[in-house]
Amino acid sequence: MTTTVTTAAVSKNFGAYQDAAVRDPVIITKNGRPHTVLLAYEDFVRLLKRDRRVELTAELGADEVAAVEASEMEPESIPS
């Protein structure tokens, strides 16, 4: 269960909220709105692994463009 607390509450009792964040993320509000999230390091690492980067095709080199053009999808990956 996610906990929501104010920045003032976190500053007064950071250790307790740090321990709570190991179990579930803690949403920290500022001026009544969600502002930041305190979460376990393992959760952060898991989210980083899911992060995807976007690059412009104009920034690709000729070799990279050729590799993309030569690539083929696996038949089982093509929707029917």
C-alpha atoms as a PDB file:
ATOM      1  CA  MET A   1       0.000   0.000   0.000  1.00  0.00           C
ATOM      2  CA  THR A   2       1.483   3.312  -1.099  1.00  0.00           C
ATOM      3  CA  THR A   3       1.844   5.998   1.566  1.00  0.00           C
ATOM      4  CA  THR A   4       1.335   9.694   0.829  1.00  0.00           C
ATOM      5  CA  VAL A   5       2.957  12.262   3.131  1.00  0.00           C
ATOM      6  CA  THR A   6       3.899  15.925   3.146  1.00  0.00           C
ATOM      7  CA  THR A   7       7.442  17.198   2.798  1.00  0.00           C
ATOM      8  CA  ALA A   8       7.200  18.513   6.372  1.00  0.00           C
ATOM      9  CA  ALA A   9       6.355  15.046   7.690  1.00  0.00           C
ATOM     10  CA  VAL A  10       9.249  13.499   5.787  1.00  0.00           C
ATOM     11  CA  SER A  11      11.712  16.087   7.056  1.00  0.00           C
ATOM     12  CA  LYS A  12      10.644  15.433  10.651  1.00  0.00           C
ATOM     13  CA  ASN A  13      10.853  11.644  10.422  1.00  0.00           C
ATOM     14  CA  PHE A  14      12.933  10.748   7.374  1.00  0.00           C
ATOM     15  CA  GLY A  15      14.233   7.469   8.794  1.00  0.00           C
ATOM     16  CA  ALA A  16      10.756   6.015   9.272  1.00  0.00           C
ATOM     17  CA  TYR A  17       9.689   6.944   5.750  1.00  0.00           C
ATOM     18  CA  GLN A  18      12.950   5.626   4.367  1.00  0.00           C
ATOM     19  CA  ASP A  19      12.209   2.277   6.020  1.00  0.00           C
ATOM     20  CA  ALA A  20       8.615   2.382   4.744  1.00  0.00           C
ATOM     21  CA  ALA A  21       9.840   3.009   1.180  1.00  0.00           C
ATOM     22  CA  VAL A  22      11.703  -0.304   1.225  1.00  0.00           C
ATOM     23  CA  ARG A  23       8.306  -2.021   1.446  1.00  0.00           C
ATOM     24  CA  ASP A  24       6.213   0.321  -0.738  1.00  0.00           C
ATOM     25  CA  PRO A  25       6.828   3.639  -2.511  1.00  0.00           C
ATOM     26  CA  VAL A  26       6.189   6.783  -0.465  1.00  0.00           C
ATOM     27  CA  ILE A  27       4.637   9.688  -2.369  1.00  0.00           C
ATOM     28  CA  ILE A  28       5.800  13.033  -1.014  1.00  0.00           C
ATOM     29  CA  THR A  29       3.521  16.005  -1.595  1.00  0.00           C
ATOM     30  CA  LYS A  30       4.419  19.669  -1.820  1.00  0.00           C
ATOM     31  CA  ASN A  31       1.701  22.296  -1.618  1.00  0.00           C
ATOM     32  CA  GLY A  32      -0.901  19.529  -1.647  1.00  0.00           C
ATOM     33  CA  ARG A  33       0.290  17.931  -4.899  1.00  0.00           C
ATOM     34  CA  PRO A  34       2.449  14.853  -5.552  1.00  0.00           C
ATOM     35  CA  HIS A  35       6.012  16.071  -5.980  1.00  0.00           C
ATOM     36  CA  THR A  36       8.497  13.221  -5.471  1.00  0.00           C
ATOM     37  CA  VAL A  37       8.547   9.508  -4.705  1.00  0.00           C
ATOM     38  CA  LEU A  38      10.800   7.707  -2.256  1.00  0.00           C
ATOM     39  CA  LEU A  39      11.322   4.087  -3.274  1.00  0.00           C
ATOM     40  CA  ALA A  40      13.572   1.118  -2.643  1.00  0.00           C
ATOM     41  CA  TYR A  41      16.820   0.979  -4.605  1.00  0.00           C
ATOM     42  CA  GLU A  42      15.850  -2.408  -6.096  1.00  0.00           C
ATOM     43  CA  ASP A  43      12.655  -0.878  -7.493  1.00  0.00           C
ATOM     44  CA  PHE A  44      14.658   1.996  -8.957  1.00  0.00           C
ATOM     45  CA  VAL A  45      17.057  -0.423 -10.677  1.00  0.00           C
ATOM     46  CA  ARG A  46      14.129  -2.447 -12.036  1.00  0.00           C
ATOM     47  CA  LEU A  47      12.579   0.716 -13.496  1.00  0.00           C
ATOM     48  CA  LEU A  48      15.890   1.748 -15.051  1.00  0.00           C
ATOM     49  CA  LYS A  49      16.097  -1.572 -16.871  1.00  0.00           C
ATOM     50  CA  ARG A  50      12.705  -0.864 -18.439  1.00  0.00           C
ATOM     51  CA  ASP A  51      13.754   2.620 -19.533  1.00  0.00           C
ATOM     52  CA  ARG A  52      13.981   3.033 -23.278  1.00  0.00           C
ATOM     53  CA  ARG A  53      16.021   5.550 -25.159  1.00  0.00           C
ATOM     54  CA  VAL A  54      14.854   7.286 -28.312  1.00  0.00           C
ATOM     55  CA  GLU A  55      17.241   8.421 -31.006  1.00  0.00           C
ATOM     56  CA  LEU A  56      16.569  10.288 -34.222  1.00  0.00           C
ATOM     57  CA  THR A  57      17.146   8.264 -37.373  1.00  0.00           C
ATOM     58  CA  ALA A  58      18.989  11.295 -38.738  1.00  0.00           C
ATOM     59  CA  GLU A  59      21.635  10.681 -36.070  1.00  0.00           C
ATOM     60  CA  LEU A  60      22.335   7.106 -37.244  1.00  0.00           C
ATOM     61  CA  GLY A  61      25.460   6.371 -39.233  1.00  0.00           C
ATOM     62  CA  ALA A  62      25.421   4.663 -42.626  1.00  0.00           C
ATOM     63  CA  ASP A  63      26.389   1.289 -41.115  1.00  0.00           C
ATOM     64  CA  GLU A  64      23.544   1.475 -38.597  1.00  0.00           C
ATOM     65  CA  VAL A  65      21.011   2.403 -41.292  1.00  0.00           C
ATOM     66  CA  ALA A  66      22.215  -0.497 -43.441  1.00  0.00           C
ATOM     67  CA  ALA A  67      21.848  -2.888 -40.486  1.00  0.00           C
ATOM     68  CA  VAL A  68      18.275  -1.745 -39.893  1.00  0.00           C
ATOM     69  CA  GLU A  69      17.409  -2.041 -43.585  1.00  0.00           C
ATOM     70  CA  ALA A  70      18.847  -5.568 -43.715  1.00  0.00           C
ATOM     71  CA  SER A  71      17.042  -6.756 -40.593  1.00  0.00           C
ATOM     72  CA  GLU A  72      13.976  -9.014 -40.707  1.00  0.00           C
ATOM     73  CA  MET A  73      11.313  -9.782 -38.149  1.00  0.00           C
ATOM     74  CA  GLU A  74      10.900 -13.303 -36.841  1.00  0.00           C
ATOM     75  CA  PRO A  75       7.733 -14.812 -38.394  1.00  0.00           C
ATOM     76  CA  GLU A  76       6.208 -15.391 -34.923  1.00  0.00           C
ATOM     77  CA  SER A  77       6.608 -11.661 -34.179  1.00  0.00           C
ATOM     78  CA  ILE A  78       4.432 -10.556 -37.081  1.00  0.00           C
ATOM     79  CA  PRO A  79       0.767 -10.091 -36.107  1.00  0.00           C
ATOM     80  CA  SER A  80      -1.654 -12.093 -38.194  1.00  0.00           C
END
